[in-house]
Amino acid sequence: MTHSGDRIHTITTRGQLAALALLLVAIAVLAKWHDGPVFWCGALLGLAGIGGYFTRFDSPRGAAQWLLAAVGFCMVAMFTLQLLIGILS
């Protein structure tokens, strides 16, 4: 009989870091380009990042994950602001 309950608990998961990375790339793209296909690619990257944020940070454990969740929340707000600037300008 095998025992699979012993897992190394890491501070973050790859999915959490990927969601934050997608948001960071989307913010960088939308800050530079406000129209054209590059803008829409940045918007799609950001939407993927938001989806990853809501699925990966649904129940953060520990102070480090709460801190990353707060940083991610600020990144979601910044992405939303950049997206609205691009769409409304």
C-alpha atoms as a PDB file:
ATOM      1  CA  MET A   1       0.000   0.000   0.000  1.00  0.00           C
ATOM      2  CA  THR A   2       1.375   3.398  -0.955  1.00  0.00           C
ATOM      3  CA  HIS A   3       1.060   6.560   1.008  1.00  0.00           C
ATOM      4  CA  SER A   4       0.629   9.712  -1.058  1.00  0.00           C
ATOM      5  CA  GLY A   5      -0.201  12.168   1.723  1.00  0.00           C
ATOM      6  CA  ASP A   6       3.353  13.451   2.102  1.00  0.00           C
ATOM      7  CA  ARG A   7       3.739  16.309  -0.330  1.00  0.00           C
ATOM      8  CA  ILE A   8       6.176  19.142  -0.212  1.00  0.00           C
ATOM      9  CA  HIS A   9       4.171  22.310   0.278  1.00  0.00           C
ATOM     10  CA  THR A  10       5.502  25.155  -1.789  1.00  0.00           C
ATOM     11  CA  ILE A  11       4.745  28.798  -1.253  1.00  0.00           C
ATOM     12  CA  THR A  12       3.272  29.200  -4.727  1.00  0.00           C
ATOM     13  CA  THR A  13       2.200  26.951  -7.547  1.00  0.00           C
ATOM     14  CA  ARG A  14       3.175  27.178 -11.189  1.00  0.00           C
ATOM     15  CA  GLY A  15      -0.395  28.118 -12.064  1.00  0.00           C
ATOM     16  CA  GLN A  16      -0.349  31.093  -9.718  1.00  0.00           C
ATOM     17  CA  LEU A  17       2.925  32.345 -11.134  1.00  0.00           C
ATOM     18  CA  ALA A  18       1.678  31.791 -14.698  1.00  0.00           C
ATOM     19  CA  ALA A  19      -1.491  33.805 -14.020  1.00  0.00           C
ATOM     20  CA  LEU A  20       0.537  36.686 -12.608  1.00  0.00           C
ATOM     21  CA  ALA A  21       2.991  36.493 -15.517  1.00  0.00           C
ATOM     22  CA  LEU A  22       0.143  36.639 -18.050  1.00  0.00           C
ATOM     23  CA  LEU A  23      -1.264  39.700 -16.311  1.00  0.00           C
ATOM     24  CA  LEU A  24       2.146  41.354 -16.229  1.00  0.00           C
ATOM     25  CA  VAL A  25       2.721  40.760 -19.947  1.00  0.00           C
ATOM     26  CA  ALA A  26      -0.767  42.017 -20.776  1.00  0.00           C
ATOM     27  CA  ILE A  27      -0.228  45.210 -18.770  1.00  0.00           C
ATOM     28  CA  ALA A  28       3.091  45.805 -20.535  1.00  0.00           C
ATOM     29  CA  VAL A  29       1.527  45.274 -23.975  1.00  0.00           C
ATOM     30  CA  LEU A  30      -1.490  47.476 -23.281  1.00  0.00           C
ATOM     31  CA  ALA A  31       0.683  50.239 -21.826  1.00  0.00           C
ATOM     32  CA  LYS A  32       2.615  50.505 -25.106  1.00  0.00           C
ATOM     33  CA  TRP A  33      -0.017  49.779 -27.778  1.00  0.00           C
ATOM     34  CA  HIS A  34      -3.506  51.273 -27.701  1.00  0.00           C
ATOM     35  CA  ASP A  35      -4.818  49.940 -31.008  1.00  0.00           C
ATOM     36  CA  GLY A  36      -4.327  47.271 -33.616  1.00  0.00           C
ATOM     37  CA  PRO A  37      -3.854  43.521 -33.393  1.00  0.00           C
ATOM     38  CA  VAL A  38      -1.110  43.770 -30.761  1.00  0.00           C
ATOM     39  CA  PHE A  39      -3.585  45.526 -28.457  1.00  0.00           C
ATOM     40  CA  TRP A  40      -6.125  42.761 -28.886  1.00  0.00           C
ATOM     41  CA  CYS A  41      -3.483  40.071 -28.298  1.00  0.00           C
ATOM     42  CA  GLY A  42      -2.596  41.838 -25.061  1.00  0.00           C
ATOM     43  CA  ALA A  43      -6.267  41.950 -24.150  1.00  0.00           C
ATOM     44  CA  LEU A  44      -6.597  38.195 -24.726  1.00  0.00           C
ATOM     45  CA  LEU A  45      -3.487  37.525 -22.638  1.00  0.00           C
ATOM     46  CA  GLY A  46      -4.967  39.625 -19.861  1.00  0.00           C
ATOM     47  CA  LEU A  47      -8.269  37.801 -19.986  1.00  0.00           C
ATOM     48  CA  ALA A  48      -6.402  34.509 -19.705  1.00  0.00           C
ATOM     49  CA  GLY A  49      -4.488  35.954 -16.758  1.00  0.00           C
ATOM     50  CA  ILE A  50      -7.694  37.060 -15.060  1.00  0.00           C
ATOM     51  CA  GLY A  51      -9.185  33.610 -15.538  1.00  0.00           C
ATOM     52  CA  GLY A  52      -6.067  32.055 -14.067  1.00  0.00           C
ATOM     53  CA  TYR A  53      -6.119  34.520 -11.191  1.00  0.00           C
ATOM     54  CA  PHE A  54      -9.694  33.675 -10.234  1.00  0.00           C
ATOM     55  CA  THR A  55      -9.108  29.929 -10.464  1.00  0.00           C
ATOM     56  CA  ARG A  56      -5.692  29.787  -8.783  1.00  0.00           C
ATOM     57  CA  PHE A  57      -6.187  32.314  -5.981  1.00  0.00           C
ATOM     58  CA  ASP A  58      -9.629  31.119  -4.889  1.00  0.00           C
ATOM     59  CA  SER A  59      -8.370  30.123  -1.419  1.00  0.00           C
ATOM     60  CA  PRO A  60      -4.851  31.363  -0.650  1.00  0.00           C
ATOM     61  CA  ARG A  61      -3.014  29.633   2.195  1.00  0.00           C
ATOM     62  CA  GLY A  62      -0.443  31.455   4.245  1.00  0.00           C
ATOM     63  CA  ALA A  63       0.877  34.988   4.233  1.00  0.00           C
ATOM     64  CA  ALA A  64       2.924  34.593   1.042  1.00  0.00           C
ATOM     65  CA  GLN A  65      -0.084  33.491  -1.019  1.00  0.00           C
ATOM     66  CA  TRP A  66      -2.222  36.264   0.468  1.00  0.00           C
ATOM     67  CA  LEU A  67       0.469  38.756  -0.528  1.00  0.00           C
ATOM     68  CA  LEU A  68       0.601  37.358  -4.074  1.00  0.00           C
ATOM     69  CA  ALA A  69      -3.201  37.436  -4.226  1.00  0.00           C
ATOM     70  CA  ALA A  70      -3.162  41.110  -3.243  1.00  0.00           C
ATOM     71  CA  VAL A  71      -0.510  41.875  -5.882  1.00  0.00           C
ATOM     72  CA  GLY A  72      -2.600  39.960  -8.423  1.00  0.00           C
ATOM     73  CA  PHE A  73      -5.686  41.943  -7.474  1.00  0.00           C
ATOM     74  CA  CYS A  74      -3.796  45.188  -8.120  1.00  0.00           C
ATOM     75  CA  MET A  75      -2.597  43.778 -11.442  1.00  0.00           C
ATOM     76  CA  VAL A  76      -6.186  42.928 -12.422  1.00  0.00           C
ATOM     77  CA  ALA A  77      -7.206  46.507 -11.622  1.00  0.00           C
ATOM     78  CA  MET A  78      -4.288  47.891 -13.658  1.00  0.00           C
ATOM     79  CA  PHE A  79      -5.128  45.619 -16.601  1.00  0.00           C
ATOM     80  CA  THR A  80      -8.755  46.747 -16.482  1.00  0.00           C
ATOM     81  CA  LEU A  81      -7.691  50.385 -16.459  1.00  0.00           C
ATOM     82  CA  GLN A  82      -5.290  49.874 -19.375  1.00  0.00           C
ATOM     83  CA  LEU A  83      -7.965  48.005 -21.333  1.00  0.00           C
ATOM     84  CA  LEU A  84     -10.519  50.768 -20.803  1.00  0.00           C
ATOM     85  CA  ILE A  85      -7.977  53.423 -21.838  1.00  0.00           C
ATOM     86  CA  GLY A  86      -7.293  51.501 -25.043  1.00  0.00           C
ATOM     87  CA  ILE A  87     -10.927  50.869 -25.881  1.00  0.00           C
ATOM     88  CA  LEU A  88     -12.240  54.342 -25.054  1.00  0.00           C
ATOM     89  CA  SER A  89      -9.431  56.332 -26.666  1.00  0.00           C
END
